[in-house]
Amino acid sequence: MKVQTILRSSQPRRRYKNPLQTLSKSPELDLIGPPCPLSNIRPTYYAPLFPSLPTSSSSNTSTTHPYSLAEFPISASPASARLQRVQQQLHAADLEWRLMRYRLDRHDAEFWSRMNTKFLKGRHDFAEKELERIASGEPASRDGHGEEGEIDFAPFYKRHLDATRKEYAKYNRELWSMQASLLWPSLKAATRKWRWKWELWRAGEKNSSPRGANLV
């Protein structure tokens, strides 16, 4: 392994631009992006249950209507009013579920970014010290591997694993706990789509899809 290649790879690559920022509306399917150059984790976009349902942020940025909408009262049937209430409830619950998944993804990304940064910096420092030892004529640190004149990274790998053992153990405990806490919410999330289909059928809109039937 060439030392110059190692030193270059120790520097994190430039971060990519989030492609979701260029979309005009929410996608209807989950999207997986390219891996982060530092954490090596692929970011995931979780599609909402109602992609075209307006949010509070979008309503605040919308243009002002030239007339007062209160001048044109719209009479809604009891079934339509019920569907709107149920849709808002399901939308709020779905948003909470998506935020829980984003928190777990952020936890993973932050941990691996921190650990990979520590690993790359430690390997870079170790390589520089070994190069100085070789340049001064001293024998490099060896563990019975590699050829003469090459850097043996086995001692560094062992020290790094020993130094980060507790951090990895803590991460595993937190990960198991967070994943276990998602079991019941994931079951409820799976039933929301069927709940919406049932509400549409009950209101007489049997041919409407759960993602396409937005009432507001």
N, C-alpha and C. Protein backbone atom coordinates (compact mmCIF):
# COMPACT_ATOMS: atom_id res chain seq x y z
N MET A 1 0.85 -1.20 0.00
CA MET A 1 0.00 0.00 0.00
C MET A 1 0.88 1.24 0.00
N LYS A 2 0.67 2.11 -0.97
CA LYS A 2 1.49 3.29 -1.09
C LYS A 2 1.06 4.34 -0.07
N VAL A 3 2.05 5.00 0.53
CA VAL A 3 1.76 5.96 1.57
C VAL A 3 1.06 7.19 1.01
N GLN A 4 1.43 7.63 -0.20
CA GLN A 4 0.80 8.80 -0.78
C GLN A 4 -0.69 8.58 -0.99
N THR A 5 -1.04 7.38 -1.43
CA THR A 5 -2.46 7.06 -1.61
C THR A 5 -3.19 7.09 -0.28
N ILE A 6 -2.55 6.61 0.77
CA ILE A 6 -3.15 6.58 2.10
C ILE A 6 -3.39 7.99 2.61
N LEU A 7 -2.40 8.86 2.41
CA LEU A 7 -2.54 10.22 2.91
C LEU A 7 -3.63 10.96 2.16
N ARG A 8 -3.76 10.73 0.86
CA ARG A 8 -4.82 11.39 0.11
C ARG A 8 -6.19 10.88 0.51
N SER A 9 -6.30 9.57 0.75
CA SER A 9 -7.60 9.00 1.11
C SER A 9 -8.02 9.39 2.52
N SER A 10 -7.08 9.91 3.32
CA SER A 10 -7.43 10.30 4.68
C SER A 10 -8.26 11.59 4.70
N GLN A 11 -8.25 12.33 3.59
CA GLN A 11 -9.01 13.57 3.53
C GLN A 11 -10.41 13.28 3.00
N PRO A 12 -11.47 13.74 3.70
CA PRO A 12 -12.84 13.48 3.23
C PRO A 12 -13.09 14.16 1.90
N ARG A 13 -13.86 13.48 1.05
CA ARG A 13 -14.21 14.03 -0.24
C ARG A 13 -15.28 15.11 -0.11
N ARG A 14 -15.44 15.89 -1.18
CA ARG A 14 -16.42 16.97 -1.18
C ARG A 14 -17.83 16.39 -1.09
N ARG A 15 -18.65 17.00 -0.31
CA ARG A 15 -20.02 16.53 -0.15
C ARG A 15 -20.84 16.85 -1.40
N TYR A 16 -21.83 16.01 -1.65
CA TYR A 16 -22.67 16.16 -2.81
C TYR A 16 -23.86 17.04 -2.48
N LYS A 17 -24.49 17.57 -3.51
CA LYS A 17 -25.69 18.39 -3.34
C LYS A 17 -26.91 17.51 -3.26
N ASN A 18 -27.79 17.83 -2.34
CA ASN A 18 -29.00 17.05 -2.16
C ASN A 18 -29.92 17.23 -3.36
N PRO A 19 -30.21 16.14 -4.14
CA PRO A 19 -31.06 16.31 -5.32
C PRO A 19 -32.50 16.63 -4.98
N LEU A 20 -32.95 16.35 -3.74
CA LEU A 20 -34.34 16.62 -3.38
C LEU A 20 -34.64 18.11 -3.34
N GLN A 21 -33.61 18.95 -3.22
CA GLN A 21 -33.82 20.39 -3.17
C GLN A 21 -34.32 20.94 -4.49
N THR A 22 -34.11 20.21 -5.60
CA THR A 22 -34.52 20.69 -6.91
C THR A 22 -35.90 20.19 -7.30
N LEU A 23 -36.56 19.37 -6.49
CA LEU A 23 -37.86 18.84 -6.83
C LEU A 23 -38.95 19.85 -6.47
N SER A 24 -39.96 19.94 -7.33
CA SER A 24 -41.04 20.89 -7.11
C SER A 24 -42.12 20.33 -6.19
N LYS A 25 -42.24 19.03 -6.07
CA LYS A 25 -43.22 18.42 -5.19
C LYS A 25 -42.64 17.16 -4.57
N SER A 26 -43.29 16.67 -3.54
CA SER A 26 -42.78 15.51 -2.82
C SER A 26 -42.91 14.26 -3.68
N PRO A 27 -41.87 13.44 -3.76
CA PRO A 27 -41.97 12.17 -4.50
C PRO A 27 -42.97 11.24 -3.82
N GLU A 28 -43.54 10.34 -4.59
CA GLU A 28 -44.52 9.40 -4.06
C GLU A 28 -43.89 8.10 -3.60
N LEU A 29 -42.61 7.90 -3.87
CA LEU A 29 -41.92 6.68 -3.47
C LEU A 29 -40.67 7.04 -2.68
N ASP A 30 -40.22 6.11 -1.84
CA ASP A 30 -38.98 6.32 -1.09
C ASP A 30 -37.81 6.42 -2.07
N LEU A 31 -36.87 7.30 -1.75
CA LEU A 31 -35.69 7.50 -2.59
C LEU A 31 -34.44 7.26 -1.77
N ILE A 32 -33.44 6.64 -2.40
CA ILE A 32 -32.15 6.38 -1.76
C ILE A 32 -31.07 7.07 -2.57
N GLY A 33 -30.29 7.91 -1.92
CA GLY A 33 -29.27 8.68 -2.60
C GLY A 33 -27.91 8.01 -2.57
N PRO A 34 -26.93 8.64 -3.18
CA PRO A 34 -25.56 8.10 -3.15
C PRO A 34 -24.98 8.17 -1.75
N PRO A 35 -24.03 7.30 -1.44
CA PRO A 35 -23.49 7.28 -0.07
C PRO A 35 -22.75 8.56 0.27
N CYS A 36 -22.85 8.94 1.53
CA CYS A 36 -22.10 10.09 2.02
C CYS A 36 -20.61 9.77 1.96
N PRO A 37 -19.77 10.68 1.45
CA PRO A 37 -18.34 10.38 1.33
C PRO A 37 -17.63 10.19 2.65
N LEU A 38 -18.24 10.62 3.74
CA LEU A 38 -17.58 10.47 5.04
C LEU A 38 -18.15 9.33 5.87
N SER A 39 -19.47 9.26 5.98
CA SER A 39 -20.09 8.20 6.77
C SER A 39 -20.32 6.92 5.97
N ASN A 40 -20.28 7.01 4.63
CA ASN A 40 -20.53 5.88 3.73
C ASN A 40 -21.96 5.34 3.86
N ILE A 41 -22.87 6.16 4.37
CA ILE A 41 -24.27 5.77 4.52
C ILE A 41 -25.11 6.48 3.46
N ARG A 42 -25.98 5.72 2.82
CA ARG A 42 -26.85 6.29 1.80
C ARG A 42 -28.03 7.00 2.47
N PRO A 43 -28.24 8.28 2.17
CA PRO A 43 -29.40 8.97 2.73
C PRO A 43 -30.69 8.46 2.10
N THR A 44 -31.74 8.42 2.89
CA THR A 44 -33.03 7.91 2.43
C THR A 44 -34.09 8.98 2.61
N TYR A 45 -34.88 9.17 1.58
CA TYR A 45 -36.05 10.04 1.66
C TYR A 45 -37.28 9.15 1.78
N TYR A 46 -38.06 9.36 2.84
CA TYR A 46 -39.25 8.56 3.08
C TYR A 46 -40.47 9.32 2.56
N ALA A 47 -41.11 8.77 1.55
CA ALA A 47 -42.25 9.45 0.93
C ALA A 47 -43.42 9.51 1.89
N PRO A 48 -44.12 10.64 1.93
CA PRO A 48 -45.29 10.76 2.82
C PRO A 48 -46.47 9.96 2.30
N LEU A 49 -47.42 9.72 3.17
CA LEU A 49 -48.63 8.99 2.79
C LEU A 49 -49.46 9.79 1.80
N PHE A 50 -49.46 11.13 1.96
CA PHE A 50 -50.20 12.02 1.05
C PHE A 50 -49.19 13.02 0.47
N PRO A 51 -48.51 12.68 -0.63
CA PRO A 51 -47.46 13.56 -1.16
C PRO A 51 -47.95 14.94 -1.57
N SER A 52 -49.16 15.04 -2.11
CA SER A 52 -49.64 16.33 -2.60
C SER A 52 -50.43 17.11 -1.56
N LEU A 53 -50.47 16.62 -0.33
CA LEU A 53 -51.20 17.35 0.71
C LEU A 53 -50.39 18.57 1.10
N PRO A 54 -50.96 19.78 1.04
CA PRO A 54 -50.19 20.98 1.38
C PRO A 54 -49.79 21.00 2.85
N THR A 55 -48.60 21.49 3.11
CA THR A 55 -48.09 21.61 4.48
C THR A 55 -48.22 23.04 4.93
N SER A 56 -47.97 23.26 6.22
CA SER A 56 -48.06 24.61 6.77
C SER A 56 -47.01 25.53 6.16
N SER A 57 -45.79 24.96 5.86
CA SER A 57 -44.75 25.80 5.27
C SER A 57 -45.11 26.25 3.87
N SER A 58 -45.74 25.33 3.08
CA SER A 58 -46.10 25.69 1.72
C SER A 58 -47.26 26.68 1.71
N SER A 59 -48.17 26.55 2.67
CA SER A 59 -49.30 27.48 2.71
C SER A 59 -48.87 28.88 3.09
N ASN A 60 -47.81 29.00 3.90
CA ASN A 60 -47.35 30.33 4.29
C ASN A 60 -46.68 31.06 3.14
N THR A 61 -46.08 30.30 2.20
CA THR A 61 -45.37 30.92 1.09
C THR A 61 -46.24 31.07 -0.14
N SER A 62 -47.49 30.64 -0.09
CA SER A 62 -48.36 30.74 -1.24
C SER A 62 -48.78 32.19 -1.46
N THR A 63 -49.18 32.48 -2.71
CA THR A 63 -49.59 33.84 -3.03
C THR A 63 -50.95 34.14 -2.43
N THR A 64 -51.19 35.41 -2.14
CA THR A 64 -52.45 35.83 -1.54
C THR A 64 -53.56 35.84 -2.59
N HIS A 65 -54.71 35.30 -2.22
CA HIS A 65 -55.84 35.27 -3.14
C HIS A 65 -56.41 36.68 -3.29
N PRO A 66 -56.76 37.10 -4.54
CA PRO A 66 -57.25 38.48 -4.73
C PRO A 66 -58.60 38.74 -4.07
N TYR A 67 -59.36 37.68 -3.79
CA TYR A 67 -60.67 37.82 -3.15
C TYR A 67 -60.66 37.05 -1.83
N SER A 68 -61.52 37.45 -0.95
CA SER A 68 -61.66 36.73 0.31
C SER A 68 -62.40 35.43 0.05
N LEU A 69 -61.77 34.32 0.41
CA LEU A 69 -62.41 33.04 0.18
C LEU A 69 -63.65 32.86 1.03
N ALA A 70 -63.78 33.66 2.09
CA ALA A 70 -64.96 33.56 2.94
C ALA A 70 -66.22 34.02 2.21
N GLU A 71 -66.04 34.76 1.10
CA GLU A 71 -67.19 35.21 0.34
C GLU A 71 -67.81 34.10 -0.51
N PHE A 72 -67.09 32.99 -0.62
CA PHE A 72 -67.57 31.88 -1.43
C PHE A 72 -67.65 30.64 -0.55
N PRO A 73 -68.64 30.55 0.30
CA PRO A 73 -68.73 29.39 1.20
C PRO A 73 -68.94 28.11 0.42
N ILE A 74 -68.23 27.07 0.87
CA ILE A 74 -68.32 25.75 0.24
C ILE A 74 -68.99 24.81 1.22
N SER A 75 -70.12 24.27 0.80
CA SER A 75 -70.84 23.34 1.66
C SER A 75 -70.31 21.93 1.44
N ALA A 76 -69.74 21.33 2.48
CA ALA A 76 -69.19 19.98 2.39
C ALA A 76 -70.16 19.00 3.03
N SER A 77 -70.25 17.83 2.40
CA SER A 77 -71.11 16.80 2.95
C SER A 77 -70.50 16.24 4.21
N PRO A 78 -71.30 15.61 5.07
CA PRO A 78 -70.73 15.00 6.29
C PRO A 78 -69.65 13.97 5.98
N ALA A 79 -69.83 13.20 4.90
CA ALA A 79 -68.82 12.19 4.55
C ALA A 79 -67.52 12.85 4.13
N SER A 80 -67.61 13.94 3.34
CA SER A 80 -66.41 14.64 2.92
C SER A 80 -65.70 15.29 4.10
N ALA A 81 -66.47 15.86 5.02
CA ALA A 81 -65.86 16.48 6.21
C ALA A 81 -65.16 15.44 7.06
N ARG A 82 -65.76 14.27 7.17
CA ARG A 82 -65.13 13.20 7.95
C ARG A 82 -63.83 12.75 7.29
N LEU A 83 -63.85 12.63 5.95
CA LEU A 83 -62.64 12.23 5.24
C LEU A 83 -61.52 13.24 5.45
N GLN A 84 -61.86 14.51 5.46
CA GLN A 84 -60.84 15.53 5.69
C GLN A 84 -60.24 15.42 7.08
N ARG A 85 -61.09 15.19 8.06
CA ARG A 85 -60.57 15.04 9.43
C ARG A 85 -59.67 13.81 9.54
N VAL A 86 -60.10 12.69 8.96
CA VAL A 86 -59.30 11.47 9.03
C VAL A 86 -57.99 11.64 8.28
N GLN A 87 -58.06 12.32 7.14
CA GLN A 87 -56.84 12.53 6.37
C GLN A 87 -55.82 13.37 7.14
N GLN A 88 -56.28 14.41 7.82
CA GLN A 88 -55.38 15.23 8.61
C GLN A 88 -54.78 14.44 9.76
N GLN A 89 -55.57 13.58 10.39
CA GLN A 89 -55.05 12.75 11.47
C GLN A 89 -53.99 11.77 10.96
N LEU A 90 -54.28 11.13 9.84
CA LEU A 90 -53.33 10.17 9.27
C LEU A 90 -52.07 10.89 8.79
N HIS A 91 -52.25 12.08 8.26
CA HIS A 91 -51.10 12.85 7.79
C HIS A 91 -50.19 13.23 8.96
N ALA A 92 -50.77 13.65 10.07
CA ALA A 92 -49.97 14.02 11.24
C ALA A 92 -49.24 12.80 11.81
N ALA A 93 -49.93 11.66 11.89
CA ALA A 93 -49.30 10.45 12.40
C ALA A 93 -48.19 9.97 11.47
N ASP A 94 -48.42 10.09 10.16
CA ASP A 94 -47.40 9.69 9.19
C ASP A 94 -46.18 10.59 9.28
N LEU A 95 -46.38 11.89 9.49
CA LEU A 95 -45.26 12.80 9.64
C LEU A 95 -44.43 12.45 10.87
N GLU A 96 -45.08 12.12 11.97
CA GLU A 96 -44.35 11.72 13.18
C GLU A 96 -43.54 10.45 12.94
N TRP A 97 -44.11 9.51 12.20
CA TRP A 97 -43.42 8.25 11.90
C TRP A 97 -42.19 8.50 11.02
N ARG A 98 -42.33 9.37 10.04
CA ARG A 98 -41.20 9.67 9.17
C ARG A 98 -40.09 10.37 9.95
N LEU A 99 -40.45 11.26 10.88
CA LEU A 99 -39.44 11.95 11.68
C LEU A 99 -38.68 10.97 12.57
N MET A 100 -39.36 9.97 13.09
CA MET A 100 -38.69 8.96 13.89
C MET A 100 -37.64 8.21 13.07
N ARG A 101 -37.97 7.90 11.84
CA ARG A 101 -37.01 7.19 10.97
C ARG A 101 -35.85 8.11 10.60
N TYR A 102 -36.13 9.38 10.38
CA TYR A 102 -35.05 10.32 10.08
C TYR A 102 -34.11 10.48 11.28
N ARG A 103 -34.66 10.45 12.48
CA ARG A 103 -33.79 10.56 13.67
C ARG A 103 -32.85 9.37 13.77
N LEU A 104 -33.35 8.18 13.47
CA LEU A 104 -32.50 7.01 13.49
C LEU A 104 -31.42 7.10 12.43
N ASP A 105 -31.77 7.54 11.23
CA ASP A 105 -30.78 7.69 10.17
C ASP A 105 -29.74 8.73 10.53
N ARG A 106 -30.18 9.82 11.15
CA ARG A 106 -29.22 10.86 11.55
C ARG A 106 -28.28 10.33 12.63
N HIS A 107 -28.81 9.54 13.55
CA HIS A 107 -27.98 8.94 14.59
C HIS A 107 -26.88 8.08 13.97
N ASP A 108 -27.23 7.27 12.99
CA ASP A 108 -26.24 6.43 12.33
C ASP A 108 -25.22 7.26 11.57
N ALA A 109 -25.71 8.26 10.82
CA ALA A 109 -24.80 9.06 10.00
C ALA A 109 -23.82 9.85 10.87
N GLU A 110 -24.31 10.42 11.97
CA GLU A 110 -23.42 11.19 12.84
C GLU A 110 -22.37 10.29 13.49
N PHE A 111 -22.78 9.09 13.90
CA PHE A 111 -21.82 8.20 14.56
C PHE A 111 -20.72 7.78 13.59
N TRP A 112 -21.11 7.32 12.40
CA TRP A 112 -20.11 6.83 11.46
C TRP A 112 -19.27 7.96 10.89
N SER A 113 -19.82 9.14 10.77
CA SER A 113 -19.00 10.28 10.34
C SER A 113 -17.94 10.59 11.39
N ARG A 114 -18.34 10.58 12.66
CA ARG A 114 -17.39 10.86 13.72
C ARG A 114 -16.31 9.77 13.81
N MET A 115 -16.73 8.50 13.73
CA MET A 115 -15.77 7.41 13.85
C MET A 115 -14.85 7.33 12.64
N ASN A 116 -15.38 7.56 11.46
CA ASN A 116 -14.52 7.52 10.28
C ASN A 116 -13.54 8.68 10.26
N THR A 117 -13.98 9.84 10.75
CA THR A 117 -13.07 10.97 10.84
C THR A 117 -11.93 10.66 11.81
N LYS A 118 -12.27 10.07 12.93
CA LYS A 118 -11.24 9.69 13.91
C LYS A 118 -10.29 8.65 13.33
N PHE A 119 -10.83 7.68 12.61
CA PHE A 119 -10.01 6.63 12.02
C PHE A 119 -9.06 7.18 10.96
N LEU A 120 -9.58 8.03 10.06
CA LEU A 120 -8.74 8.58 9.00
C LEU A 120 -7.65 9.48 9.55
N LYS A 121 -8.00 10.28 10.55
CA LYS A 121 -6.98 11.15 11.14
C LYS A 121 -5.91 10.33 11.86
N GLY A 122 -6.35 9.30 12.60
CA GLY A 122 -5.37 8.47 13.29
C GLY A 122 -4.46 7.73 12.33
N ARG A 123 -5.02 7.23 11.24
CA ARG A 123 -4.19 6.53 10.26
C ARG A 123 -3.23 7.49 9.56
N HIS A 124 -3.70 8.70 9.31
CA HIS A 124 -2.84 9.70 8.69
C HIS A 124 -1.67 10.04 9.61
N ASP A 125 -1.95 10.29 10.89
CA ASP A 125 -0.88 10.61 11.84
C ASP A 125 0.09 9.45 12.00
N PHE A 126 -0.46 8.23 12.05
CA PHE A 126 0.41 7.05 12.18
C PHE A 126 1.33 6.92 10.98
N ALA A 127 0.80 7.15 9.77
CA ALA A 127 1.61 7.03 8.56
C ALA A 127 2.71 8.08 8.55
N GLU A 128 2.41 9.30 8.99
CA GLU A 128 3.43 10.35 9.01
C GLU A 128 4.55 10.01 9.99
N LYS A 129 4.20 9.49 11.16
CA LYS A 129 5.22 9.12 12.13
C LYS A 129 6.10 7.98 11.61
N GLU A 130 5.46 7.02 10.95
CA GLU A 130 6.25 5.90 10.41
C GLU A 130 7.17 6.37 9.29
N LEU A 131 6.71 7.32 8.48
CA LEU A 131 7.57 7.85 7.44
C LEU A 131 8.77 8.59 8.03
N GLU A 132 8.54 9.32 9.12
CA GLU A 132 9.65 10.01 9.78
C GLU A 132 10.64 9.00 10.36
N ARG A 133 10.14 7.90 10.89
CA ARG A 133 11.04 6.87 11.44
C ARG A 133 11.87 6.24 10.33
N ILE A 134 11.23 5.96 9.20
CA ILE A 134 11.95 5.35 8.09
C ILE A 134 12.98 6.33 7.53
N ALA A 135 12.60 7.62 7.42
CA ALA A 135 13.53 8.61 6.88
C ALA A 135 14.74 8.82 7.79
N SER A 136 14.56 8.66 9.10
CA SER A 136 15.67 8.84 10.04
C SER A 136 16.52 7.59 10.19
N GLY A 137 16.15 6.54 9.50
CA GLY A 137 16.93 5.31 9.56
C GLY A 137 16.48 4.34 10.63
N GLU A 138 15.49 4.68 11.42
CA GLU A 138 14.98 3.78 12.45
C GLU A 138 14.03 2.76 11.83
N PRO A 139 13.97 1.58 12.39
CA PRO A 139 13.03 0.59 11.86
C PRO A 139 11.59 1.00 12.16
N ALA A 140 10.73 0.78 11.19
CA ALA A 140 9.32 1.11 11.38
C ALA A 140 8.66 0.10 12.29
N SER A 141 7.55 0.50 12.89
CA SER A 141 6.79 -0.41 13.75
C SER A 141 6.25 -1.56 12.91
N ARG A 142 6.54 -2.78 13.33
CA ARG A 142 6.13 -3.93 12.55
C ARG A 142 5.46 -4.94 13.46
N ASP A 143 4.61 -5.74 12.83
CA ASP A 143 3.89 -6.78 13.56
C ASP A 143 3.99 -8.11 12.83
N GLY A 144 5.10 -8.27 12.12
CA GLY A 144 5.30 -9.52 11.41
C GLY A 144 4.66 -9.57 10.04
N HIS A 145 4.17 -8.42 9.55
CA HIS A 145 3.49 -8.39 8.26
C HIS A 145 4.16 -7.35 7.37
N GLY A 146 3.95 -7.50 6.06
CA GLY A 146 4.48 -6.53 5.13
C GLY A 146 5.95 -6.76 4.84
N GLU A 147 6.45 -5.99 3.89
CA GLU A 147 7.83 -6.10 3.47
C GLU A 147 8.64 -4.95 4.05
N GLU A 148 9.93 -5.10 3.95
CA GLU A 148 10.82 -4.08 4.48
C GLU A 148 10.64 -2.79 3.70
N GLY A 149 10.57 -1.67 4.40
CA GLY A 149 10.37 -0.39 3.76
C GLY A 149 8.92 0.01 3.61
N GLU A 150 8.01 -0.90 3.90
CA GLU A 150 6.59 -0.58 3.84
C GLU A 150 6.04 -0.36 5.25
N ILE A 151 4.98 0.40 5.33
CA ILE A 151 4.37 0.69 6.62
C ILE A 151 3.42 -0.46 6.98
N ASP A 152 3.59 -0.97 8.16
CA ASP A 152 2.71 -2.02 8.66
C ASP A 152 1.65 -1.35 9.54
N PHE A 153 0.39 -1.37 9.09
CA PHE A 153 -0.68 -0.69 9.81
C PHE A 153 -1.36 -1.59 10.85
N ALA A 154 -0.90 -2.81 10.99
CA ALA A 154 -1.54 -3.71 11.95
C ALA A 154 -1.49 -3.16 13.38
N PRO A 155 -0.36 -2.59 13.84
CA PRO A 155 -0.36 -2.02 15.21
C PRO A 155 -1.37 -0.89 15.37
N PHE A 156 -1.50 -0.06 14.34
CA PHE A 156 -2.47 1.03 14.44
C PHE A 156 -3.90 0.49 14.49
N TYR A 157 -4.22 -0.50 13.64
CA TYR A 157 -5.57 -1.06 13.64
C TYR A 157 -5.93 -1.65 15.00
N LYS A 158 -4.98 -2.32 15.61
CA LYS A 158 -5.24 -2.93 16.92
C LYS A 158 -5.48 -1.86 17.98
N ARG A 159 -4.63 -0.83 17.99
CA ARG A 159 -4.81 0.24 18.98
C ARG A 159 -6.12 0.98 18.75
N HIS A 160 -6.46 1.18 17.48
CA HIS A 160 -7.70 1.90 17.19
C HIS A 160 -8.92 1.09 17.66
N LEU A 161 -8.93 -0.20 17.42
CA LEU A 161 -10.05 -1.02 17.87
C LEU A 161 -10.14 -1.06 19.40
N ASP A 162 -9.01 -1.14 20.06
CA ASP A 162 -9.01 -1.15 21.52
C ASP A 162 -9.51 0.18 22.08
N ALA A 163 -9.14 1.29 21.43
CA ALA A 163 -9.51 2.61 21.94
C ALA A 163 -10.98 2.93 21.69
N THR A 164 -11.58 2.34 20.66
CA THR A 164 -12.96 2.65 20.31
C THR A 164 -13.94 1.54 20.67
N ARG A 165 -13.48 0.55 21.40
CA ARG A 165 -14.35 -0.58 21.71
C ARG A 165 -15.60 -0.14 22.49
N LYS A 166 -15.41 0.71 23.47
CA LYS A 166 -16.55 1.16 24.28
C LYS A 166 -17.52 2.01 23.46
N GLU A 167 -17.00 2.81 22.54
CA GLU A 167 -17.88 3.63 21.71
C GLU A 167 -18.75 2.77 20.80
N TYR A 168 -18.15 1.72 20.24
CA TYR A 168 -18.93 0.82 19.38
C TYR A 168 -19.97 0.06 20.20
N ALA A 169 -19.61 -0.33 21.40
CA ALA A 169 -20.56 -1.05 22.25
C ALA A 169 -21.74 -0.14 22.63
N LYS A 170 -21.44 1.12 22.95
CA LYS A 170 -22.51 2.08 23.26
C LYS A 170 -23.40 2.31 22.06
N TYR A 171 -22.80 2.42 20.88
CA TYR A 171 -23.58 2.63 19.66
C TYR A 171 -24.51 1.45 19.40
N ASN A 172 -24.02 0.24 19.60
CA ASN A 172 -24.86 -0.94 19.37
C ASN A 172 -26.05 -0.97 20.33
N ARG A 173 -25.82 -0.61 21.59
CA ARG A 173 -26.92 -0.58 22.55
C ARG A 173 -27.96 0.46 22.16
N GLU A 174 -27.49 1.65 21.77
CA GLU A 174 -28.43 2.69 21.36
C GLU A 174 -29.17 2.30 20.10
N LEU A 175 -28.49 1.66 19.17
CA LEU A 175 -29.13 1.26 17.92
C LEU A 175 -30.21 0.21 18.17
N TRP A 176 -29.91 -0.77 19.00
CA TRP A 176 -30.91 -1.81 19.32
C TRP A 176 -32.11 -1.19 20.01
N SER A 177 -31.86 -0.25 20.92
CA SER A 177 -32.96 0.39 21.64
C SER A 177 -33.84 1.21 20.69
N MET A 178 -33.22 1.96 19.79
CA MET A 178 -33.99 2.79 18.86
C MET A 178 -34.77 1.92 17.87
N GLN A 179 -34.18 0.84 17.41
CA GLN A 179 -34.88 -0.05 16.48
C GLN A 179 -36.05 -0.75 17.16
N ALA A 180 -35.86 -1.13 18.42
CA ALA A 180 -36.96 -1.77 19.14
C ALA A 180 -38.11 -0.79 19.35
N SER A 181 -37.78 0.49 19.56
CA SER A 181 -38.83 1.48 19.78
C SER A 181 -39.62 1.77 18.50
N LEU A 182 -39.12 1.33 17.34
CA LEU A 182 -39.80 1.57 16.07
C LEU A 182 -40.73 0.43 15.68
N LEU A 183 -40.73 -0.67 16.43
CA LEU A 183 -41.53 -1.83 16.04
C LEU A 183 -43.03 -1.50 16.04
N TRP A 184 -43.53 -0.97 17.15
CA TRP A 184 -44.94 -0.66 17.24
C TRP A 184 -45.34 0.48 16.29
N PRO A 185 -44.57 1.57 16.21
CA PRO A 185 -44.91 2.61 15.22
C PRO A 185 -44.90 2.10 13.78
N SER A 186 -44.00 1.17 13.46
CA SER A 186 -43.98 0.63 12.09
C SER A 186 -45.23 -0.18 11.80
N LEU A 187 -45.73 -0.89 12.80
CA LEU A 187 -46.97 -1.65 12.61
C LEU A 187 -48.14 -0.69 12.39
N LYS A 188 -48.19 0.39 13.17
CA LYS A 188 -49.27 1.36 12.97
C LYS A 188 -49.15 2.06 11.62
N ALA A 189 -47.92 2.29 11.17
CA ALA A 189 -47.73 2.93 9.86
C ALA A 189 -48.23 2.03 8.74
N ALA A 190 -48.04 0.72 8.90
CA ALA A 190 -48.51 -0.20 7.86
C ALA A 190 -50.03 -0.25 7.77
N THR A 191 -50.70 0.03 8.88
CA THR A 191 -52.17 -0.02 8.88
C THR A 191 -52.82 1.28 8.42
N ARG A 192 -52.05 2.39 8.38
CA ARG A 192 -52.64 3.67 8.00
C ARG A 192 -53.13 3.67 6.55
N LYS A 193 -52.38 3.04 5.66
CA LYS A 193 -52.80 3.00 4.27
C LYS A 193 -54.12 2.24 4.12
N TRP A 194 -54.23 1.13 4.84
CA TRP A 194 -55.47 0.35 4.78
C TRP A 194 -56.62 1.10 5.47
N ARG A 195 -56.29 1.85 6.50
CA ARG A 195 -57.32 2.66 7.15
C ARG A 195 -57.88 3.69 6.17
N TRP A 196 -57.00 4.32 5.39
CA TRP A 196 -57.46 5.32 4.44
C TRP A 196 -58.29 4.68 3.32
N LYS A 197 -57.88 3.50 2.86
CA LYS A 197 -58.67 2.79 1.85
C LYS A 197 -60.07 2.47 2.39
N TRP A 198 -60.10 2.06 3.64
CA TRP A 198 -61.41 1.75 4.24
C TRP A 198 -62.28 3.00 4.35
N GLU A 199 -61.69 4.14 4.71
CA GLU A 199 -62.46 5.36 4.81
C GLU A 199 -62.97 5.80 3.45
N LEU A 200 -62.16 5.64 2.42
CA LEU A 200 -62.61 5.98 1.07
C LEU A 200 -63.75 5.07 0.63
N TRP A 201 -63.62 3.79 0.93
CA TRP A 201 -64.68 2.85 0.58
C TRP A 201 -65.97 3.18 1.33
N ARG A 202 -65.79 3.55 2.58
CA ARG A 202 -66.95 3.89 3.39
C ARG A 202 -67.66 5.13 2.86
N ALA A 203 -66.87 6.08 2.32
CA ALA A 203 -67.46 7.31 1.79
C ALA A 203 -67.94 7.14 0.35
N GLY A 204 -67.75 5.96 -0.22
CA GLY A 204 -68.22 5.72 -1.59
C GLY A 204 -67.22 6.04 -2.66
N GLU A 205 -65.93 6.24 -2.30
CA GLU A 205 -64.89 6.52 -3.29
C GLU A 205 -63.99 5.29 -3.39
N LYS A 206 -64.53 4.21 -3.88
CA LYS A 206 -63.83 2.93 -3.87
C LYS A 206 -62.65 2.91 -4.83
N ASN A 207 -62.69 3.72 -5.86
CA ASN A 207 -61.65 3.68 -6.88
C ASN A 207 -60.50 4.64 -6.61
N SER A 208 -60.53 5.31 -5.48
CA SER A 208 -59.47 6.28 -5.17
C SER A 208 -58.32 5.58 -4.49
N SER A 209 -57.10 5.94 -4.89
CA SER A 209 -55.91 5.35 -4.29
C SER A 209 -55.55 6.11 -3.03
N PRO A 210 -54.82 5.49 -2.08
CA PRO A 210 -54.47 6.19 -0.84
C PRO A 210 -53.55 7.36 -1.06
N ARG A 211 -52.72 7.34 -2.10
CA ARG A 211 -51.79 8.44 -2.35
C ARG A 211 -52.39 9.49 -3.26
N GLY A 212 -53.39 9.11 -4.04
CA GLY A 212 -53.91 10.07 -5.00
C GLY A 212 -55.11 10.84 -4.49
N ALA A 213 -55.83 10.28 -3.51
CA ALA A 213 -57.05 10.95 -3.05
C ALA A 213 -56.73 11.94 -1.95
N ASN A 214 -56.47 13.17 -2.31
CA ASN A 214 -56.22 14.24 -1.34
C ASN A 214 -57.40 15.20 -1.40
N LEU A 215 -57.95 15.49 -0.25
CA LEU A 215 -59.21 16.23 -0.19
C LEU A 215 -59.03 17.70 0.07
N VAL A 216 -57.82 18.12 0.44
CA VAL A 216 -57.62 19.53 0.74
C VAL A 216 -56.52 20.07 -0.15
